[in-house]
Amino acid sequence: MVTGDLIFFSAVEGIVGAMGHSARQATGLTATGAADLVVLDFASMPGDAAEIMAGIDPLRAAAFIPHVDVTAFAAARASGIAHVHRRGALAVELPRILSLYAGQLDWGIA
């Protein structure tokens, strides 16, 4: 999970943990390593979507973006991120996303 927001990370960690998996926090994309799924918190990330996406597989990414940041939503979708949601939808969307990948991933969520 890429975020500098400890509260947001705690929320993700709780959801992932409840599903029997683990998450690790990264403050930048270079620190994600070979994660199977990268959860991006656009609210705490520097740079634009192109810079953000340069280092990850967009098909293995989920972005959570503040609902007022229309530009970030458009850029994230244009860059090919598989799952783009408003930040407030985390509790609903992340379990659904994790369930979609459950059979495909060797869990190491960054």
PDB file of N, CA and C in Angstrom:
ATOM      1  N   MET A   1       0.842  -1.167   0.000  1.00  0.00           N
ATOM      2  CA  MET A   1       0.000   0.000   0.000  1.00  0.00           C
ATOM      3  C   MET A   1       0.880   1.220   0.000  1.00  0.00           C
ATOM      4  N   VAL A   2       0.647   2.116  -0.892  1.00  0.00           N
ATOM      5  CA  VAL A   2       1.445   3.333  -0.978  1.00  0.00           C
ATOM      6  C   VAL A   2       0.628   4.475  -0.395  1.00  0.00           C
ATOM      7  N   THR A   3       1.045   4.921   0.774  1.00  0.00           N
ATOM      8  CA  THR A   3       0.398   6.034   1.453  1.00  0.00           C
ATOM      9  C   THR A   3       1.303   6.589   2.528  1.00  0.00           C
ATOM     10  N   GLY A   4       1.148   7.854   2.809  1.00  0.00           N
ATOM     11  CA  GLY A   4       1.829   8.471   3.936  1.00  0.00           C
ATOM     12  C   GLY A   4       0.857   8.714   5.074  1.00  0.00           C
ATOM     13  N   ASP A   5      -0.393   8.317   4.890  1.00  0.00           N
ATOM     14  CA  ASP A   5      -1.465   8.551   5.852  1.00  0.00           C
ATOM     15  C   ASP A   5      -1.638   7.311   6.729  1.00  0.00           C
ATOM     16  N   LEU A   6      -1.245   7.419   7.988  1.00  0.00           N
ATOM     17  CA  LEU A   6      -1.316   6.266   8.887  1.00  0.00           C
ATOM     18  C   LEU A   6      -2.747   5.810   9.154  1.00  0.00           C
ATOM     19  N   ILE A   7      -3.685   6.731   9.180  1.00  0.00           N
ATOM     20  CA  ILE A   7      -5.083   6.349   9.401  1.00  0.00           C
ATOM     21  C   ILE A   7      -5.606   5.553   8.209  1.00  0.00           C
ATOM     22  N   PHE A   8      -5.292   6.001   7.004  1.00  0.00           N
ATOM     23  CA  PHE A   8      -5.715   5.284   5.803  1.00  0.00           C
ATOM     24  C   PHE A   8      -5.055   3.904   5.763  1.00  0.00           C
ATOM     25  N   PHE A   9      -3.764   3.840   6.085  1.00  0.00           N
ATOM     26  CA  PHE A   9      -3.082   2.542   6.105  1.00  0.00           C
ATOM     27  C   PHE A   9      -3.721   1.616   7.129  1.00  0.00           C
ATOM     28  N   SER A  10      -4.044   2.135   8.303  1.00  0.00           N
ATOM     29  CA  SER A  10      -4.678   1.304   9.339  1.00  0.00           C
ATOM     30  C   SER A  10      -6.001   0.734   8.857  1.00  0.00           C
ATOM     31  N   ALA A  11      -6.760   1.533   8.119  1.00  0.00           N
ATOM     32  CA  ALA A  11      -8.029   1.052   7.574  1.00  0.00           C
ATOM     33  C   ALA A  11      -7.789  -0.089   6.586  1.00  0.00           C
ATOM     34  N   VAL A  12      -6.826   0.094   5.688  1.00  0.00           N
ATOM     35  CA  VAL A  12      -6.500  -0.961   4.720  1.00  0.00           C
ATOM     36  C   VAL A  12      -5.990  -2.201   5.438  1.00  0.00           C
ATOM     37  N   GLU A  13      -5.093  -2.006   6.376  1.00  0.00           N
ATOM     38  CA  GLU A  13      -4.521  -3.130   7.125  1.00  0.00           C
ATOM     39  C   GLU A  13      -5.614  -3.923   7.841  1.00  0.00           C
ATOM     40  N   GLY A  14      -6.599  -3.222   8.401  1.00  0.00           N
ATOM     41  CA  GLY A  14      -7.704  -3.895   9.081  1.00  0.00           C
ATOM     42  C   GLY A  14      -8.547  -4.725   8.129  1.00  0.00           C
ATOM     43  N   ILE A  15      -8.855  -4.179   6.972  1.00  0.00           N
ATOM     44  CA  ILE A  15      -9.658  -4.896   5.976  1.00  0.00           C
ATOM     45  C   ILE A  15      -8.893  -6.116   5.463  1.00  0.00           C
ATOM     46  N   VAL A  16      -7.646  -5.911   5.109  1.00  0.00           N
ATOM     47  CA  VAL A  16      -6.826  -7.000   4.575  1.00  0.00           C
ATOM     48  C   VAL A  16      -6.631  -8.085   5.641  1.00  0.00           C
ATOM     49  N   GLY A  17      -6.356  -7.666   6.871  1.00  0.00           N
ATOM     50  CA  GLY A  17      -6.171  -8.620   7.960  1.00  0.00           C
ATOM     51  C   GLY A  17      -7.422  -9.432   8.237  1.00  0.00           C
ATOM     52  N   ALA A  18      -8.584  -8.787   8.176  1.00  0.00           N
ATOM     53  CA  ALA A  18      -9.849  -9.491   8.402  1.00  0.00           C
ATOM     54  C   ALA A  18     -10.093 -10.557   7.340  1.00  0.00           C
ATOM     55  N   MET A  19      -9.461 -10.385   6.188  1.00  0.00           N
ATOM     56  CA  MET A  19      -9.606 -11.367   5.112  1.00  0.00           C
ATOM     57  C   MET A  19      -8.493 -12.414   5.143  1.00  0.00           C
ATOM     58  N   GLY A  20      -7.667 -12.367   6.187  1.00  0.00           N
ATOM     59  CA  GLY A  20      -6.631 -13.382   6.369  1.00  0.00           C
ATOM     60  C   GLY A  20      -5.336 -13.113   5.648  1.00  0.00           C
ATOM     61  N   HIS A  21      -5.076 -11.882   5.284  1.00  0.00           N
ATOM     62  CA  HIS A  21      -3.867 -11.532   4.557  1.00  0.00           C
ATOM     63  C   HIS A  21      -3.118 -10.435   5.303  1.00  0.00           C
ATOM     64  N   SER A  22      -2.012  -9.997   4.758  1.00  0.00           N
ATOM     65  CA  SER A  22      -1.253  -8.925   5.396  1.00  0.00           C
ATOM     66  C   SER A  22      -0.946  -7.830   4.383  1.00  0.00           C
ATOM     67  N   ALA A  23      -0.715  -6.653   4.914  1.00  0.00           N
ATOM     68  CA  ALA A  23      -0.379  -5.495   4.082  1.00  0.00           C
ATOM     69  C   ALA A  23       0.884  -4.870   4.633  1.00  0.00           C
ATOM     70  N   ARG A  24       1.595  -4.188   3.769  1.00  0.00           N
ATOM     71  CA  ARG A  24       2.746  -3.414   4.236  1.00  0.00           C
ATOM     72  C   ARG A  24       2.653  -2.028   3.629  1.00  0.00           C
ATOM     73  N   GLN A  25       3.123  -1.075   4.378  1.00  0.00           N
ATOM     74  CA  GLN A  25       3.044   0.316   3.943  1.00  0.00           C
ATOM     75  C   GLN A  25       4.321   0.711   3.244  1.00  0.00           C
ATOM     76  N   ALA A  26       4.167   1.439   2.158  1.00  0.00           N
ATOM     77  CA  ALA A  26       5.301   2.001   1.424  1.00  0.00           C
ATOM     78  C   ALA A  26       5.025   3.482   1.249  1.00  0.00           C
ATOM     79  N   THR A  27       6.044   4.295   1.359  1.00  0.00           N
ATOM     80  CA  THR A  27       5.850   5.729   1.183  1.00  0.00           C
ATOM     81  C   THR A  27       6.104   6.164  -0.256  1.00  0.00           C
ATOM     82  N   GLY A  28       6.537   5.252  -1.090  1.00  0.00           N
ATOM     83  CA  GLY A  28       6.765   5.546  -2.499  1.00  0.00           C
ATOM     84  C   GLY A  28       6.712   4.268  -3.306  1.00  0.00           C
ATOM     85  N   LEU A  29       6.577   4.402  -4.607  1.00  0.00           N
ATOM     86  CA  LEU A  29       6.441   3.227  -5.461  1.00  0.00           C
ATOM     87  C   LEU A  29       7.683   2.360  -5.498  1.00  0.00           C
ATOM     88  N   THR A  30       8.846   2.939  -5.332  1.00  0.00           N
ATOM     89  CA  THR A  30      10.060   2.128  -5.368  1.00  0.00           C
ATOM     90  C   THR A  30      10.134   1.190  -4.173  1.00  0.00           C
ATOM     91  N   ALA A  31       9.382   1.478  -3.136  1.00  0.00           N
ATOM     92  CA  ALA A  31       9.405   0.643  -1.933  1.00  0.00           C
ATOM     93  C   ALA A  31       8.369  -0.477  -1.967  1.00  0.00           C
ATOM     94  N   THR A  32       7.593  -0.592  -3.037  1.00  0.00           N
ATOM     95  CA  THR A  32       6.559  -1.623  -3.072  1.00  0.00           C
ATOM     96  C   THR A  32       7.119  -3.000  -3.390  1.00  0.00           C
ATOM     97  N   GLY A  33       8.288  -3.069  -3.987  1.00  0.00           N
ATOM     98  CA  GLY A  33       8.868  -4.353  -4.328  1.00  0.00           C
ATOM     99  C   GLY A  33       8.002  -5.093  -5.332  1.00  0.00           C
ATOM    100  N   ALA A  34       7.893  -6.379  -5.156  1.00  0.00           N
ATOM    101  CA  ALA A  34       7.130  -7.214  -6.080  1.00  0.00           C
ATOM    102  C   ALA A  34       5.756  -7.536  -5.506  1.00  0.00           C
ATOM    103  N   ALA A  35       5.050  -6.535  -5.074  1.00  0.00           N
ATOM    104  CA  ALA A  35       3.722  -6.746  -4.494  1.00  0.00           C
ATOM    105  C   ALA A  35       2.760  -7.286  -5.538  1.00  0.00           C
ATOM    106  N   ASP A  36       1.859  -8.131  -5.108  1.00  0.00           N
ATOM    107  CA  ASP A  36       0.867  -8.704  -6.009  1.00  0.00           C
ATOM    108  C   ASP A  36      -0.256  -7.727  -6.319  1.00  0.00           C
ATOM    109  N   LEU A  37      -0.547  -6.862  -5.377  1.00  0.00           N
ATOM    110  CA  LEU A  37      -1.565  -5.834  -5.564  1.00  0.00           C
ATOM    111  C   LEU A  37      -1.067  -4.569  -4.879  1.00  0.00           C
ATOM    112  N   VAL A  38      -1.077  -3.472  -5.592  1.00  0.00           N
ATOM    113  CA  VAL A  38      -0.651  -2.200  -5.025  1.00  0.00           C
ATOM    114  C   VAL A  38      -1.887  -1.339  -4.816  1.00  0.00           C
ATOM    115  N   VAL A  39      -2.097  -0.932  -3.576  1.00  0.00           N
ATOM    116  CA  VAL A  39      -3.199  -0.040  -3.236  1.00  0.00           C
ATOM    117  C   VAL A  39      -2.610   1.356  -3.126  1.00  0.00           C
ATOM    118  N   LEU A  40      -3.110   2.266  -3.935  1.00  0.00           N
ATOM    119  CA  LEU A  40      -2.575   3.622  -3.999  1.00  0.00           C
ATOM    120  C   LEU A  40      -3.525   4.602  -3.329  1.00  0.00           C
ATOM    121  N   ASP A  41      -2.991   5.392  -2.433  1.00  0.00           N
ATOM    122  CA  ASP A  41      -3.740   6.467  -1.803  1.00  0.00           C
ATOM    123  C   ASP A  41      -3.307   7.758  -2.478  1.00  0.00           C
ATOM    124  N   PHE A  42      -4.043   8.164  -3.501  1.00  0.00           N
ATOM    125  CA  PHE A  42      -3.656   9.336  -4.285  1.00  0.00           C
ATOM    126  C   PHE A  42      -3.601  10.610  -3.456  1.00  0.00           C
ATOM    127  N   ALA A  43      -4.327  10.659  -2.357  1.00  0.00           N
ATOM    128  CA  ALA A  43      -4.354  11.872  -1.535  1.00  0.00           C
ATOM    129  C   ALA A  43      -2.997  12.167  -0.912  1.00  0.00           C
ATOM    130  N   SER A  44      -2.174  11.154  -0.729  1.00  0.00           N
ATOM    131  CA  SER A  44      -0.890  11.383  -0.061  1.00  0.00           C
ATOM    132  C   SER A  44       0.309  11.138  -0.975  1.00  0.00           C
ATOM    133  N   MET A  45       0.062  11.053  -2.278  1.00  0.00           N
ATOM    134  CA  MET A  45       1.154  10.766  -3.208  1.00  0.00           C
ATOM    135  C   MET A  45       1.573  12.001  -3.990  1.00  0.00           C
ATOM    136  N   PRO A  46       2.873  12.240  -4.041  1.00  0.00           N
ATOM    137  CA  PRO A  46       3.352  13.340  -4.889  1.00  0.00           C
ATOM    138  C   PRO A  46       3.388  12.894  -6.354  1.00  0.00           C
ATOM    139  N   GLY A  47       3.326  13.835  -7.261  1.00  0.00           N
ATOM    140  CA  GLY A  47       3.448  13.520  -8.685  1.00  0.00           C
ATOM    141  C   GLY A  47       2.110  13.311  -9.342  1.00  0.00           C
ATOM    142  N   ASP A  48       2.155  13.200 -10.659  1.00  0.00           N
ATOM    143  CA  ASP A  48       0.921  12.986 -11.404  1.00  0.00           C
ATOM    144  C   ASP A  48       0.732  11.492 -11.677  1.00  0.00           C
ATOM    145  N   ALA A  49      -0.392  11.143 -12.263  1.00  0.00           N
ATOM    146  CA  ALA A  49      -0.722   9.734 -12.484  1.00  0.00           C
ATOM    147  C   ALA A  49       0.307   9.029 -13.352  1.00  0.00           C
ATOM    148  N   ALA A  50       0.839   9.708 -14.370  1.00  0.00           N
ATOM    149  CA  ALA A  50       1.835   9.077 -15.238  1.00  0.00           C
ATOM    150  C   ALA A  50       3.086   8.704 -14.448  1.00  0.00           C
ATOM    151  N   GLU A  51       3.539   9.595 -13.593  1.00  0.00           N
ATOM    152  CA  GLU A  51       4.705   9.299 -12.751  1.00  0.00           C
ATOM    153  C   GLU A  51       4.401   8.162 -11.795  1.00  0.00           C
ATOM    154  N   ILE A  52       3.218   8.212 -11.212  1.00  0.00           N
ATOM    155  CA  ILE A  52       2.819   7.194 -10.245  1.00  0.00           C
ATOM    156  C   ILE A  52       2.763   5.827 -10.912  1.00  0.00           C
ATOM    157  N   MET A  53       2.192   5.743 -12.105  1.00  0.00           N
ATOM    158  CA  MET A  53       1.984   4.468 -12.765  1.00  0.00           C
ATOM    159  C   MET A  53       3.218   3.921 -13.465  1.00  0.00           C
ATOM    160  N   ALA A  54       4.241   4.721 -13.636  1.00  0.00           N
ATOM    161  CA  ALA A  54       5.429   4.274 -14.360  1.00  0.00           C
ATOM    162  C   ALA A  54       6.077   3.050 -13.719  1.00  0.00           C
ATOM    163  N   GLY A  55       5.942   2.910 -12.421  1.00  0.00           N
ATOM    164  CA  GLY A  55       6.641   1.826 -11.741  1.00  0.00           C
ATOM    165  C   GLY A  55       5.801   0.634 -11.351  1.00  0.00           C
ATOM    166  N   ILE A  56       4.530   0.582 -11.752  1.00  0.00           N
ATOM    167  CA  ILE A  56       3.696  -0.546 -11.340  1.00  0.00           C
ATOM    168  C   ILE A  56       2.856  -1.071 -12.496  1.00  0.00           C
ATOM    169  N   ASP A  57       2.346  -2.263 -12.328  1.00  0.00           N
ATOM    170  CA  ASP A  57       1.446  -2.869 -13.299  1.00  0.00           C
ATOM    171  C   ASP A  57       0.037  -2.344 -13.014  1.00  0.00           C
ATOM    172  N   PRO A  58      -0.551  -1.571 -13.918  1.00  0.00           N
ATOM    173  CA  PRO A  58      -1.865  -0.994 -13.638  1.00  0.00           C
ATOM    174  C   PRO A  58      -2.964  -2.039 -13.448  1.00  0.00           C
ATOM    175  N   LEU A  59      -2.761  -3.244 -13.970  1.00  0.00           N
ATOM    176  CA  LEU A  59      -3.751  -4.299 -13.792  1.00  0.00           C
ATOM    177  C   LEU A  59      -3.702  -4.904 -12.402  1.00  0.00           C
ATOM    178  N   ARG A  60      -2.654  -4.595 -11.667  1.00  0.00           N
ATOM    179  CA  ARG A  60      -2.486  -5.065 -10.287  1.00  0.00           C
ATOM    180  C   ARG A  60      -2.503  -3.880  -9.335  1.00  0.00           C
ATOM    181  N   ALA A  61      -3.352  -2.888  -9.644  1.00  0.00           N
ATOM    182  CA  ALA A  61      -3.392  -1.673  -8.833  1.00  0.00           C
ATOM    183  C   ALA A  61      -4.830  -1.262  -8.543  1.00  0.00           C
ATOM    184  N   ALA A  62      -5.011  -0.716  -7.357  1.00  0.00           N
ATOM    185  CA  ALA A  62      -6.284  -0.126  -6.954  1.00  0.00           C
ATOM    186  C   ALA A  62      -5.976   1.251  -6.395  1.00  0.00           C
ATOM    187  N   ALA A  63      -6.642   2.262  -6.941  1.00  0.00           N
ATOM    188  CA  ALA A  63      -6.413   3.635  -6.504  1.00  0.00           C
ATOM    189  C   ALA A  63      -7.634   4.153  -5.759  1.00  0.00           C
ATOM    190  N   PHE A  64      -7.373   4.799  -4.632  1.00  0.00           N
ATOM    191  CA  PHE A  64      -8.422   5.446  -3.860  1.00  0.00           C
ATOM    192  C   PHE A  64      -8.109   6.934  -3.847  1.00  0.00           C
ATOM    193  N   ILE A  65      -9.062   7.715  -4.350  1.00  0.00           N
ATOM    194  CA  ILE A  65      -8.841   9.130  -4.634  1.00  0.00           C
ATOM    195  C   ILE A  65      -9.925   9.952  -3.947  1.00  0.00           C
ATOM    196  N   PRO A  66      -9.565  11.099  -3.355  1.00  0.00           N
ATOM    197  CA  PRO A  66     -10.599  11.956  -2.772  1.00  0.00           C
ATOM    198  C   PRO A  66     -11.665  12.295  -3.823  1.00  0.00           C
ATOM    199  N   HIS A  67     -12.920  12.249  -3.435  1.00  0.00           N
ATOM    200  CA  HIS A  67     -14.022  12.425  -4.391  1.00  0.00           C
ATOM    201  C   HIS A  67     -14.007  13.779  -5.088  1.00  0.00           C
ATOM    202  N   VAL A  68     -13.359  14.759  -4.517  1.00  0.00           N
ATOM    203  CA  VAL A  68     -13.329  16.097  -5.128  1.00  0.00           C
ATOM    204  C   VAL A  68     -12.224  16.253  -6.167  1.00  0.00           C
ATOM    205  N   ASP A  69     -11.323  15.281  -6.268  1.00  0.00           N
ATOM    206  CA  ASP A  69     -10.184  15.387  -7.186  1.00  0.00           C
ATOM    207  C   ASP A  69     -10.522  14.752  -8.535  1.00  0.00           C
ATOM    208  N   VAL A  70     -11.351  15.432  -9.301  1.00  0.00           N
ATOM    209  CA  VAL A  70     -11.821  14.930 -10.590  1.00  0.00           C
ATOM    210  C   VAL A  70     -10.663  14.704 -11.558  1.00  0.00           C
ATOM    211  N   THR A  71      -9.672  15.573 -11.527  1.00  0.00           N
ATOM    212  CA  THR A  71      -8.513  15.446 -12.409  1.00  0.00           C
ATOM    213  C   THR A  71      -7.756  14.148 -12.133  1.00  0.00           C
ATOM    214  N   ALA A  72      -7.561  13.826 -10.857  1.00  0.00           N
ATOM    215  CA  ALA A  72      -6.859  12.588 -10.494  1.00  0.00           C
ATOM    216  C   ALA A  72      -7.656  11.362 -10.922  1.00  0.00           C
ATOM    217  N   PHE A  73      -8.984  11.411 -10.775  1.00  0.00           N
ATOM    218  CA  PHE A  73      -9.822  10.300 -11.240  1.00  0.00           C
ATOM    219  C   PHE A  73      -9.611  10.062 -12.726  1.00  0.00           C
ATOM    220  N   ALA A  74      -9.687  11.110 -13.508  1.00  0.00           N
ATOM    221  CA  ALA A  74      -9.532  10.990 -14.960  1.00  0.00           C
ATOM    222  C   ALA A  74      -8.142  10.474 -15.319  1.00  0.00           C
ATOM    223  N   ALA A  75      -7.123  11.006 -14.672  1.00  0.00           N
ATOM    224  CA  ALA A  75      -5.750  10.589 -14.962  1.00  0.00           C
ATOM    225  C   ALA A  75      -5.519   9.134 -14.568  1.00  0.00           C
ATOM    226  N   ALA A  76      -6.049   8.722 -13.434  1.00  0.00           N
ATOM    227  CA  ALA A  76      -5.880   7.338 -12.987  1.00  0.00           C
ATOM    228  C   ALA A  76      -6.553   6.378 -13.960  1.00  0.00           C
ATOM    229  N   ARG A  77      -7.744   6.716 -14.367  1.00  0.00           N
ATOM    230  CA  ARG A  77      -8.451   5.857 -15.328  1.00  0.00           C
ATOM    231  C   ARG A  77      -7.725   5.818 -16.671  1.00  0.00           C
ATOM    232  N   ALA A  78      -7.242   6.968 -17.117  1.00  0.00           N
ATOM    233  CA  ALA A  78      -6.528   7.040 -18.399  1.00  0.00           C
ATOM    234  C   ALA A  78      -5.222   6.251 -18.366  1.00  0.00           C
ATOM    235  N   SER A  79      -4.619   6.133 -17.197  1.00  0.00           N
ATOM    236  CA  SER A  79      -3.352   5.405 -17.099  1.00  0.00           C
ATOM    237  C   SER A  79      -3.556   3.898 -17.029  1.00  0.00           C
ATOM    238  N   GLY A  80      -4.799   3.459 -16.966  1.00  0.00           N
ATOM    239  CA  GLY A  80      -5.074   2.032 -17.018  1.00  0.00           C
ATOM    240  C   GLY A  80      -5.196   1.342 -15.680  1.00  0.00           C
ATOM    241  N   ILE A  81      -5.269   2.085 -14.597  1.00  0.00           N
ATOM    242  CA  ILE A  81      -5.421   1.457 -13.282  1.00  0.00           C
ATOM    243  C   ILE A  81      -6.715   0.640 -13.293  1.00  0.00           C
ATOM    244  N   ALA A  82      -6.616  -0.598 -12.864  1.00  0.00           N
ATOM    245  CA  ALA A  82      -7.742  -1.519 -12.937  1.00  0.00           C
ATOM    246  C   ALA A  82      -8.916  -1.101 -12.064  1.00  0.00           C
ATOM    247  N   HIS A  83      -8.640  -0.556 -10.908  1.00  0.00           N
ATOM    248  CA  HIS A  83      -9.694  -0.220  -9.960  1.00  0.00           C
ATOM    249  C   HIS A  83      -9.474   1.202  -9.452  1.00  0.00           C
ATOM    250  N   VAL A  84     -10.387   2.098  -9.786  1.00  0.00           N
ATOM    251  CA  VAL A  84     -10.298   3.494  -9.367  1.00  0.00           C
ATOM    252  C   VAL A  84     -11.577   3.824  -8.611  1.00  0.00           C
ATOM    253  N   HIS A  85     -11.431   4.215  -7.353  1.00  0.00           N
ATOM    254  CA  HIS A  85     -12.595   4.464  -6.500  1.00  0.00           C
ATOM    255  C   HIS A  85     -12.383   5.710  -5.658  1.00  0.00           C
ATOM    256  N   ARG A  86     -13.491   6.267  -5.183  1.00  0.00           N
ATOM    257  CA  ARG A  86     -13.365   7.379  -4.256  1.00  0.00           C
ATOM    258  C   ARG A  86     -12.838   6.838  -2.932  1.00  0.00           C
ATOM    259  N   ARG A  87     -12.097   7.655  -2.252  1.00  0.00           N
ATOM    260  CA  ARG A  87     -11.441   7.239  -1.015  1.00  0.00           C
ATOM    261  C   ARG A  87     -12.452   6.745   0.025  1.00  0.00           C
ATOM    262  N   GLY A  88     -13.619   7.362   0.076  1.00  0.00           N
ATOM    263  CA  GLY A  88     -14.632   6.982   1.051  1.00  0.00           C
ATOM    264  C   GLY A  88     -15.252   5.613   0.805  1.00  0.00           C
ATOM    265  N   ALA A  89     -14.999   5.012  -0.343  1.00  0.00           N
ATOM    266  CA  ALA A  89     -15.561   3.706  -0.677  1.00  0.00           C
ATOM    267  C   ALA A  89     -14.639   2.558  -0.280  1.00  0.00           C
ATOM    268  N   LEU A  90     -13.586   2.856   0.446  1.00  0.00           N
ATOM    269  CA  LEU A  90     -12.591   1.840   0.801  1.00  0.00           C
ATOM    270  C   LEU A  90     -13.209   0.608   1.451  1.00  0.00           C
ATOM    271  N   ALA A  91     -14.065   0.799   2.443  1.00  0.00           N
ATOM    272  CA  ALA A  91     -14.610  -0.331   3.201  1.00  0.00           C
ATOM    273  C   ALA A  91     -15.474  -1.250   2.340  1.00  0.00           C
ATOM    274  N   VAL A  92     -16.045  -0.730   1.280  1.00  0.00           N
ATOM    275  CA  VAL A  92     -16.874  -1.537   0.387  1.00  0.00           C
ATOM    276  C   VAL A  92     -16.051  -2.117  -0.757  1.00  0.00           C
ATOM    277  N   GLU A  93     -15.248  -1.285  -1.384  1.00  0.00           N
ATOM    278  CA  GLU A  93     -14.551  -1.693  -2.600  1.00  0.00           C
ATOM    279  C   GLU A  93     -13.324  -2.568  -2.361  1.00  0.00           C
ATOM    280  N   LEU A  94     -12.548  -2.291  -1.313  1.00  0.00           N
ATOM    281  CA  LEU A  94     -11.329  -3.083  -1.117  1.00  0.00           C
ATOM    282  C   LEU A  94     -11.632  -4.557  -0.863  1.00  0.00           C
ATOM    283  N   PRO A  95     -12.603  -4.925  -0.014  1.00  0.00           N
ATOM    284  CA  PRO A  95     -12.907  -6.359   0.129  1.00  0.00           C
ATOM    285  C   PRO A  95     -13.328  -7.004  -1.187  1.00  0.00           C
ATOM    286  N   ARG A  96     -14.099  -6.265  -1.986  1.00  0.00           N
ATOM    287  CA  ARG A  96     -14.524  -6.792  -3.289  1.00  0.00           C
ATOM    288  C   ARG A  96     -13.318  -7.016  -4.203  1.00  0.00           C
ATOM    289  N   ILE A  97     -12.414  -6.047  -4.231  1.00  0.00           N
ATOM    290  CA  ILE A  97     -11.214  -6.157  -5.065  1.00  0.00           C
ATOM    291  C   ILE A  97     -10.348  -7.321  -4.599  1.00  0.00           C
ATOM    292  N   LEU A  98     -10.149  -7.425  -3.301  1.00  0.00           N
ATOM    293  CA  LEU A  98      -9.327  -8.512  -2.771  1.00  0.00           C
ATOM    294  C   LEU A  98      -9.937  -9.866  -3.098  1.00  0.00           C
ATOM    295  N   SER A  99     -11.248  -9.962  -3.044  1.00  0.00           N
ATOM    296  CA  SER A  99     -11.922 -11.216  -3.395  1.00  0.00           C
ATOM    297  C   SER A  99     -11.710 -11.572  -4.858  1.00  0.00           C
ATOM    298  N   LEU A 100     -11.695 -10.568  -5.723  1.00  0.00           N
ATOM    299  CA  LEU A 100     -11.459 -10.809  -7.144  1.00  0.00           C
ATOM    300  C   LEU A 100     -10.079 -11.416  -7.389  1.00  0.00           C
ATOM    301  N   TYR A 101      -9.097 -10.962  -6.621  1.00  0.00           N
ATOM    302  CA  TYR A 101      -7.720 -11.403  -6.817  1.00  0.00           C
ATOM    303  C   TYR A 101      -7.339 -12.604  -5.959  1.00  0.00           C
ATOM    304  N   ALA A 102      -8.185 -13.009  -5.051  1.00  0.00           N
ATOM    305  CA  ALA A 102      -7.829 -14.023  -4.046  1.00  0.00           C
ATOM    306  C   ALA A 102      -7.257 -15.301  -4.654  1.00  0.00           C
ATOM    307  N   GLY A 103      -7.800 -15.749  -5.741  1.00  0.00           N
ATOM    308  CA  GLY A 103      -7.310 -16.974  -6.346  1.00  0.00           C
ATOM    309  C   GLY A 103      -6.074 -16.794  -7.201  1.00  0.00           C
ATOM    310  N   GLN A 104      -5.679 -15.560  -7.463  1.00  0.00           N
ATOM    311  CA  GLN A 104      -4.589 -15.283  -8.389  1.00  0.00           C
ATOM    312  C   GLN A 104      -3.313 -14.812  -7.722  1.00  0.00           C
ATOM    313  N   LEU A 105      -3.420 -14.371  -6.483  1.00  0.00           N
ATOM    314  CA  LEU A 105      -2.281 -13.704  -5.873  1.00  0.00           C
ATOM    315  C   LEU A 105      -1.577 -14.558  -4.828  1.00  0.00           C
ATOM    316  N   ASP A 106      -0.290 -14.397  -4.761  1.00  0.00           N
ATOM    317  CA  ASP A 106       0.498 -14.895  -3.652  1.00  0.00           C
ATOM    318  C   ASP A 106       0.625 -13.682  -2.746  1.00  0.00           C
ATOM    319  N   TRP A 107      -0.229 -13.565  -1.763  1.00  0.00           N
ATOM    320  CA  TRP A 107      -0.459 -12.323  -1.044  1.00  0.00           C
ATOM    321  C   TRP A 107       0.782 -11.678  -0.498  1.00  0.00           C
ATOM    322  N   GLY A 108       1.002 -10.494  -0.918  1.00  0.00           N
ATOM    323  CA  GLY A 108       2.025  -9.591  -0.438  1.00  0.00           C
ATOM    324  C   GLY A 108       1.561  -8.220  -0.876  1.00  0.00           C
ATOM    325  N   ILE A 109       0.555  -7.702  -0.248  1.00  0.00           N
ATOM    326  CA  ILE A 109      -0.027  -6.432  -0.662  1.00  0.00           C
ATOM    327  C   ILE A 109       0.850  -5.297  -0.192  1.00  0.00           C
ATOM    328  N   ALA A 110       1.205  -4.434  -1.108  1.00  0.00           N
ATOM    329  CA  ALA A 110       2.012  -3.273  -0.729  1.00  0.00           C
ATOM    330  C   ALA A 110       1.124  -2.072  -0.690  1.00  0.00           C
TER     331      ALA A 110
END
